[in-house]
Amino acid sequence: MAKRDAKGYPPAPLYTHDANKAPDGAVLTPHQFPGCEHSGSSGMFAAKVALIDLGFDQVVLCGIPMAPMKHFTGLDHWLTAHDRVSPLPNRYLKRWRDVPAEFTGRIRSMSGATRDLFGAP
């Protein structure tokens, strides 16, 4: 943020879906796309914010493959079954498939299952 300030740029907005953890000045917004009951990871939230809240025409997902590989944080819980259903990447990928058609044509992905779903840039 210091570099941004030094260049005279306005403060970057901070978006959150959790009112209980929202820092001062954060924009509170729904976690999921309109018409979706659930979200499919923080990457899906970022895509939703970019397309809806910030009004971008397109979004390119990077580092959001939704594949059964170790999570970027290194935590093993990402690959273990939750609620005896399936690992998180599999559950979240199902939710990515529920993104309304008006948005899917505006999403591309660099890798993994989201690339298979939305196509490459």
Foldseek 3Di string as FASTA:
>chain_A
DVVCVVVVHPDDAAEDCDPVPDDPRHHHDHQAAPPAPDAQDVQSSVLRCVCPVVNDQADEAEQLQLDQDQHPVRDPQQQDDDPPPGHSSVVSVVRVVVHDPVHLQRYAYDDHPRCVRRNHD
